[in-house]
Amino acid sequence: MSDLKTYVDEHEGEFLDELVELLKIPSVSTDHERKGDVARCADRVADRVREAGLETRVFATDGHPT
């Protein structure tokens, strides 16, 4: 567990920067004009999940992606 804590401590700034960038995307919206932002956020999260070694997909819908 100490290896994990060390890793998190050493990369804390990077993790926070990435979180801030993700939170800047106006992706919590029912406004159709924000559909592109919501899709961009979904793609960004999916990319990070893949980078973590997990399988993921983003599904297009008539509204926002899931």
PDB file of N, CA and C in Angstrom:
ATOM      1  N   MET A   1       0.818  -1.193   0.000  1.00  0.00           N
ATOM      2  CA  MET A   1       0.000   0.000   0.000  1.00  0.00           C
ATOM      3  C   MET A   1       0.858   1.250   0.000  1.00  0.00           C
ATOM      4  N   SER A   2       2.033   1.177   0.562  1.00  0.00           N
ATOM      5  CA  SER A   2       2.893   2.361   0.599  1.00  0.00           C
ATOM      6  C   SER A   2       3.342   2.763  -0.800  1.00  0.00           C
ATOM      7  N   ASP A   3       3.498   1.777  -1.732  1.00  0.00           N
ATOM      8  CA  ASP A   3       3.857   2.111  -3.105  1.00  0.00           C
ATOM      9  C   ASP A   3       2.759   2.942  -3.767  1.00  0.00           C
ATOM     10  N   LEU A   4       1.514   2.568  -3.515  1.00  0.00           N
ATOM     11  CA  LEU A   4       0.387   3.311  -4.063  1.00  0.00           C
ATOM     12  C   LEU A   4       0.346   4.722  -3.492  1.00  0.00           C
ATOM     13  N   LYS A   5       0.500   4.853  -2.192  1.00  0.00           N
ATOM     14  CA  LYS A   5       0.491   6.170  -1.560  1.00  0.00           C
ATOM     15  C   LYS A   5       1.629   7.028  -2.103  1.00  0.00           C
ATOM     16  N   THR A   6       2.797   6.445  -2.252  1.00  0.00           N
ATOM     17  CA  THR A   6       3.935   7.187  -2.800  1.00  0.00           C
ATOM     18  C   THR A   6       3.620   7.669  -4.206  1.00  0.00           C
ATOM     19  N   TYR A   7       3.048   6.785  -5.033  1.00  0.00           N
ATOM     20  CA  TYR A   7       2.700   7.150  -6.407  1.00  0.00           C
ATOM     21  C   TYR A   7       1.690   8.299  -6.423  1.00  0.00           C
ATOM     22  N   VAL A   8       0.655   8.173  -5.616  1.00  0.00           N
ATOM     23  CA  VAL A   8      -0.377   9.220  -5.555  1.00  0.00           C
ATOM     24  C   VAL A   8       0.234  10.532  -5.073  1.00  0.00           C
ATOM     25  N   ASP A   9       1.053  10.478  -4.044  1.00  0.00           N
ATOM     26  CA  ASP A   9       1.699  11.684  -3.525  1.00  0.00           C
ATOM     27  C   ASP A   9       2.580  12.337  -4.585  1.00  0.00           C
ATOM     28  N   GLU A  10       3.316  11.528  -5.324  1.00  0.00           N
ATOM     29  CA  GLU A  10       4.231  12.064  -6.336  1.00  0.00           C
ATOM     30  C   GLU A  10       3.506  12.655  -7.538  1.00  0.00           C
ATOM     31  N   HIS A  11       2.281  12.195  -7.806  1.00  0.00           N
ATOM     32  CA  HIS A  11       1.535  12.651  -8.984  1.00  0.00           C
ATOM     33  C   HIS A  11       0.309  13.490  -8.634  1.00  0.00           C
ATOM     34  N   GLU A  12       0.206  13.882  -7.388  1.00  0.00           N
ATOM     35  CA  GLU A  12      -0.977  14.619  -6.937  1.00  0.00           C
ATOM     36  C   GLU A  12      -1.251  15.853  -7.795  1.00  0.00           C
ATOM     37  N   GLY A  13      -0.230  16.623  -8.085  1.00  0.00           N
ATOM     38  CA  GLY A  13      -0.408  17.826  -8.896  1.00  0.00           C
ATOM     39  C   GLY A  13      -0.956  17.515 -10.276  1.00  0.00           C
ATOM     40  N   GLU A  14      -0.438  16.471 -10.896  1.00  0.00           N
ATOM     41  CA  GLU A  14      -0.927  16.061 -12.220  1.00  0.00           C
ATOM     42  C   GLU A  14      -2.390  15.646 -12.149  1.00  0.00           C
ATOM     43  N   PHE A  15      -2.732  14.872 -11.113  1.00  0.00           N
ATOM     44  CA  PHE A  15      -4.112  14.424 -10.959  1.00  0.00           C
ATOM     45  C   PHE A  15      -5.054  15.615 -10.776  1.00  0.00           C
ATOM     46  N   LEU A  16      -4.648  16.569  -9.970  1.00  0.00           N
ATOM     47  CA  LEU A  16      -5.490  17.745  -9.733  1.00  0.00           C
ATOM     48  C   LEU A  16      -5.617  18.589 -10.991  1.00  0.00           C
ATOM     49  N   ASP A  17      -4.526  18.757 -11.734  1.00  0.00           N
ATOM     50  CA  ASP A  17      -4.577  19.514 -12.991  1.00  0.00           C
ATOM     51  C   ASP A  17      -5.541  18.866 -13.970  1.00  0.00           C
ATOM     52  N   GLU A  18      -5.462  17.551 -14.072  1.00  0.00           N
ATOM     53  CA  GLU A  18      -6.343  16.832 -14.983  1.00  0.00           C
ATOM     54  C   GLU A  18      -7.802  16.964 -14.556  1.00  0.00           C
ATOM     55  N   LEU A  19      -8.054  16.882 -13.260  1.00  0.00           N
ATOM     56  CA  LEU A  19      -9.416  17.034 -12.751  1.00  0.00           C
ATOM     57  C   LEU A  19      -9.951  18.431 -13.044  1.00  0.00           C
ATOM     58  N   VAL A  20      -9.138  19.445 -12.824  1.00  0.00           N
ATOM     59  CA  VAL A  20      -9.565  20.824 -13.091  1.00  0.00           C
ATOM     60  C   VAL A  20      -9.907  20.996 -14.570  1.00  0.00           C
ATOM     61  N   GLU A  21      -9.069  20.462 -15.467  1.00  0.00           N
ATOM     62  CA  GLU A  21      -9.347  20.558 -16.901  1.00  0.00           C
ATOM     63  C   GLU A  21     -10.651  19.861 -17.255  1.00  0.00           C
ATOM     64  N   LEU A  22     -10.895  18.708 -16.664  1.00  0.00           N
ATOM     65  CA  LEU A  22     -12.138  17.985 -16.916  1.00  0.00           C
ATOM     66  C   LEU A  22     -13.341  18.776 -16.402  1.00  0.00           C
ATOM     67  N   LEU A  23     -13.211  19.369 -15.229  1.00  0.00           N
ATOM     68  CA  LEU A  23     -14.327  20.129 -14.643  1.00  0.00           C
ATOM     69  C   LEU A  23     -14.618  21.428 -15.391  1.00  0.00           C
ATOM     70  N   LYS A  24     -13.661  21.909 -16.167  1.00  0.00           N
ATOM     71  CA  LYS A  24     -13.876  23.124 -16.959  1.00  0.00           C
ATOM     72  C   LYS A  24     -14.794  22.891 -18.158  1.00  0.00           C
ATOM     73  N   ILE A  25     -14.953  21.630 -18.554  1.00  0.00           N
ATOM     74  CA  ILE A  25     -15.821  21.325 -19.693  1.00  0.00           C
ATOM     75  C   ILE A  25     -17.269  21.449 -19.231  1.00  0.00           C
ATOM     76  N   PRO A  26     -18.049  22.329 -19.871  1.00  0.00           N
ATOM     77  CA  PRO A  26     -19.452  22.507 -19.454  1.00  0.00           C
ATOM     78  C   PRO A  26     -20.282  21.301 -19.884  1.00  0.00           C
ATOM     79  N   SER A  27     -20.202  20.235 -19.115  1.00  0.00           N
ATOM     80  CA  SER A  27     -20.766  18.957 -19.542  1.00  0.00           C
ATOM     81  C   SER A  27     -21.966  18.500 -18.729  1.00  0.00           C
ATOM     82  N   VAL A  28     -22.401  19.274 -17.791  1.00  0.00           N
ATOM     83  CA  VAL A  28     -23.600  18.930 -17.022  1.00  0.00           C
ATOM     84  C   VAL A  28     -24.689  19.868 -17.509  1.00  0.00           C
ATOM     85  N   SER A  29     -25.463  19.384 -18.487  1.00  0.00           N
ATOM     86  CA  SER A  29     -26.398  20.273 -19.133  1.00  0.00           C
ATOM     87  C   SER A  29     -27.502  19.497 -19.828  1.00  0.00           C
ATOM     88  N   THR A  30     -28.685  20.070 -19.845  1.00  0.00           N
ATOM     89  CA  THR A  30     -29.757  19.556 -20.683  1.00  0.00           C
ATOM     90  C   THR A  30     -29.902  20.417 -21.921  1.00  0.00           C
ATOM     91  N   ASP A  31     -29.064  21.438 -22.036  1.00  0.00           N
ATOM     92  CA  ASP A  31     -29.077  22.356 -23.169  1.00  0.00           C
ATOM     93  C   ASP A  31     -28.502  21.658 -24.398  1.00  0.00           C
ATOM     94  N   HIS A  32     -29.279  21.568 -25.458  1.00  0.00           N
ATOM     95  CA  HIS A  32     -28.838  20.904 -26.683  1.00  0.00           C
ATOM     96  C   HIS A  32     -27.581  21.561 -27.263  1.00  0.00           C
ATOM     97  N   GLU A  33     -27.411  22.845 -27.043  1.00  0.00           N
ATOM     98  CA  GLU A  33     -26.224  23.548 -27.550  1.00  0.00           C
ATOM     99  C   GLU A  33     -24.943  23.040 -26.885  1.00  0.00           C
ATOM    100  N   ARG A  34     -25.037  22.374 -25.767  1.00  0.00           N
ATOM    101  CA  ARG A  34     -23.865  21.843 -25.046  1.00  0.00           C
ATOM    102  C   ARG A  34     -23.568  20.386 -25.412  1.00  0.00           C
ATOM    103  N   LYS A  35     -24.296  19.844 -26.384  1.00  0.00           N
ATOM    104  CA  LYS A  35     -24.127  18.436 -26.750  1.00  0.00           C
ATOM    105  C   LYS A  35     -22.667  18.124 -27.098  1.00  0.00           C
ATOM    106  N   GLY A  36     -22.015  19.010 -27.828  1.00  0.00           N
ATOM    107  CA  GLY A  36     -20.616  18.807 -28.192  1.00  0.00           C
ATOM    108  C   GLY A  36     -19.706  18.769 -26.978  1.00  0.00           C
ATOM    109  N   ASP A  37     -19.973  19.638 -25.996  1.00  0.00           N
ATOM    110  CA  ASP A  37     -19.171  19.655 -24.765  1.00  0.00           C
ATOM    111  C   ASP A  37     -19.363  18.369 -23.971  1.00  0.00           C
ATOM    112  N   VAL A  38     -20.608  17.909 -23.907  1.00  0.00           N
ATOM    113  CA  VAL A  38     -20.883  16.679 -23.172  1.00  0.00           C
ATOM    114  C   VAL A  38     -20.175  15.504 -23.854  1.00  0.00           C
ATOM    115  N   ALA A  39     -20.214  15.464 -25.191  1.00  0.00           N
ATOM    116  CA  ALA A  39     -19.530  14.399 -25.932  1.00  0.00           C
ATOM    117  C   ALA A  39     -18.023  14.476 -25.715  1.00  0.00           C
ATOM    118  N   ARG A  40     -17.470  15.673 -25.723  1.00  0.00           N
ATOM    119  CA  ARG A  40     -16.032  15.842 -25.499  1.00  0.00           C
ATOM    120  C   ARG A  40     -15.634  15.331 -24.118  1.00  0.00           C
ATOM    121  N   CYS A  41     -16.437  15.637 -23.126  1.00  0.00           N
ATOM    122  CA  CYS A  41     -16.164  15.173 -21.765  1.00  0.00           C
ATOM    123  C   CYS A  41     -16.261  13.650 -21.691  1.00  0.00           C
ATOM    124  N   ALA A  42     -17.280  13.078 -22.316  1.00  0.00           N
ATOM    125  CA  ALA A  42     -17.438  11.622 -22.310  1.00  0.00           C
ATOM    126  C   ALA A  42     -16.229  10.948 -22.961  1.00  0.00           C
ATOM    127  N   ASP A  43     -15.771  11.505 -24.077  1.00  0.00           N
ATOM    128  CA  ASP A  43     -14.598  10.947 -24.757  1.00  0.00           C
ATOM    129  C   ASP A  43     -13.350  11.058 -23.896  1.00  0.00           C
ATOM    130  N   ARG A  44     -13.203  12.181 -23.227  1.00  0.00           N
ATOM    131  CA  ARG A  44     -12.033  12.392 -22.366  1.00  0.00           C
ATOM    132  C   ARG A  44     -12.009  11.388 -21.213  1.00  0.00           C
ATOM    133  N   VAL A  45     -13.154  11.186 -20.588  1.00  0.00           N
ATOM    134  CA  VAL A  45     -13.233  10.222 -19.487  1.00  0.00           C
ATOM    135  C   VAL A  45     -12.979   8.811 -20.017  1.00  0.00           C
ATOM    136  N   ALA A  46     -13.553   8.477 -21.160  1.00  0.00           N
ATOM    137  CA  ALA A  46     -13.341   7.149 -21.740  1.00  0.00           C
ATOM    138  C   ALA A  46     -11.865   6.924 -22.050  1.00  0.00           C
ATOM    139  N   ASP A  47     -11.192   7.933 -22.571  1.00  0.00           N
ATOM    140  CA  ASP A  47      -9.755   7.819 -22.845  1.00  0.00           C
ATOM    141  C   ASP A  47      -8.971   7.503 -21.582  1.00  0.00           C
ATOM    142  N   ARG A  48      -9.283   8.193 -20.504  1.00  0.00           N
ATOM    143  CA  ARG A  48      -8.566   7.963 -19.242  1.00  0.00           C
ATOM    144  C   ARG A  48      -8.840   6.565 -18.690  1.00  0.00           C
ATOM    145  N   VAL A  49     -10.077   6.100 -18.845  1.00  0.00           N
ATOM    146  CA  VAL A  49     -10.416   4.755 -18.386  1.00  0.00           C
ATOM    147  C   VAL A  49      -9.617   3.720 -19.191  1.00  0.00           C
ATOM    148  N   ARG A  50      -9.515   3.934 -20.508  1.00  0.00           N
ATOM    149  CA  ARG A  50      -8.716   3.026 -21.340  1.00  0.00           C
ATOM    150  C   ARG A  50      -7.246   3.060 -20.929  1.00  0.00           C
ATOM    151  N   GLU A  51      -6.734   4.250 -20.671  1.00  0.00           N
ATOM    152  CA  GLU A  51      -5.339   4.381 -20.250  1.00  0.00           C
ATOM    153  C   GLU A  51      -5.083   3.641 -18.941  1.00  0.00           C
ATOM    154  N   ALA A  52      -6.114   3.498 -18.136  1.00  0.00           N
ATOM    155  CA  ALA A  52      -6.000   2.768 -16.873  1.00  0.00           C
ATOM    156  C   ALA A  52      -6.082   1.260 -17.094  1.00  0.00           C
ATOM    157  N   GLY A  53      -6.303   0.859 -18.357  1.00  0.00           N
ATOM    158  CA  GLY A  53      -6.315  -0.564 -18.672  1.00  0.00           C
ATOM    159  C   GLY A  53      -7.677  -1.212 -18.689  1.00  0.00           C
ATOM    160  N   LEU A  54      -8.726  -0.412 -18.660  1.00  0.00           N
ATOM    161  CA  LEU A  54     -10.078  -0.954 -18.667  1.00  0.00           C
ATOM    162  C   LEU A  54     -10.713  -0.772 -20.034  1.00  0.00           C
ATOM    163  N   GLU A  55     -11.696  -1.583 -20.312  1.00  0.00           N
ATOM    164  CA  GLU A  55     -12.427  -1.475 -21.569  1.00  0.00           C
ATOM    165  C   GLU A  55     -13.613  -0.545 -21.367  1.00  0.00           C
ATOM    166  N   THR A  56     -13.847   0.324 -22.332  1.00  0.00           N
ATOM    167  CA  THR A  56     -14.963   1.259 -22.218  1.00  0.00           C
ATOM    168  C   THR A  56     -15.442   1.666 -23.599  1.00  0.00           C
ATOM    169  N   ARG A  57     -16.672   2.119 -23.664  1.00  0.00           N
ATOM    170  CA  ARG A  57     -17.238   2.643 -24.906  1.00  0.00           C
ATOM    171  C   ARG A  57     -18.138   3.827 -24.564  1.00  0.00           C
ATOM    172  N   VAL A  58     -18.233   4.739 -25.503  1.00  0.00           N
ATOM    173  CA  VAL A  58     -19.165   5.864 -25.396  1.00  0.00           C
ATOM    174  C   VAL A  58     -20.280   5.613 -26.409  1.00  0.00           C
ATOM    175  N   PHE A  59     -21.518   5.657 -25.973  1.00  0.00           N
ATOM    176  CA  PHE A  59     -22.654   5.411 -26.847  1.00  0.00           C
ATOM    177  C   PHE A  59     -23.348   6.725 -27.181  1.00  0.00           C
ATOM    178  N   ALA A  60     -23.528   6.952 -28.476  1.00  0.00           N
ATOM    179  CA  ALA A  60     -24.299   8.114 -28.926  1.00  0.00           C
ATOM    180  C   ALA A  60     -25.782   7.824 -28.686  1.00  0.00           C
ATOM    181  N   THR A  61     -26.515   8.851 -28.326  1.00  0.00           N
ATOM    182  CA  THR A  61     -27.969   8.731 -28.135  1.00  0.00           C
ATOM    183  C   THR A  61     -28.623   9.906 -28.843  1.00  0.00           C
ATOM    184  N   ASP A  62     -29.933   9.971 -28.805  1.00  0.00           N
ATOM    185  CA  ASP A  62     -30.634  11.121 -29.383  1.00  0.00           C
ATOM    186  C   ASP A  62     -30.347  12.378 -28.554  1.00  0.00           C
ATOM    187  N   GLY A  63     -29.991  12.177 -27.309  1.00  0.00           N
ATOM    188  CA  GLY A  63     -29.634  13.287 -26.433  1.00  0.00           C
ATOM    189  C   GLY A  63     -28.132  13.332 -26.252  1.00  0.00           C
ATOM    190  N   HIS A  64     -27.699  13.273 -25.009  1.00  0.00           N
ATOM    191  CA  HIS A  64     -26.275  13.279 -24.708  1.00  0.00           C
ATOM    192  C   HIS A  64     -25.738  11.854 -24.731  1.00  0.00           C
ATOM    193  N   PRO A  65     -24.427  11.688 -24.957  1.00  0.00           N
ATOM    194  CA  PRO A  65     -23.844  10.347 -24.971  1.00  0.00           C
ATOM    195  C   PRO A  65     -23.834   9.727 -23.586  1.00  0.00           C
ATOM    196  N   THR A  66     -23.770   8.406 -23.582  1.00  0.00           N
ATOM    197  CA  THR A  66     -23.636   7.680 -22.319  1.00  0.00           C
ATOM    198  C   THR A  66     -22.367   6.865 -22.333  1.00  0.00           C
TER     199      THR A  66
END
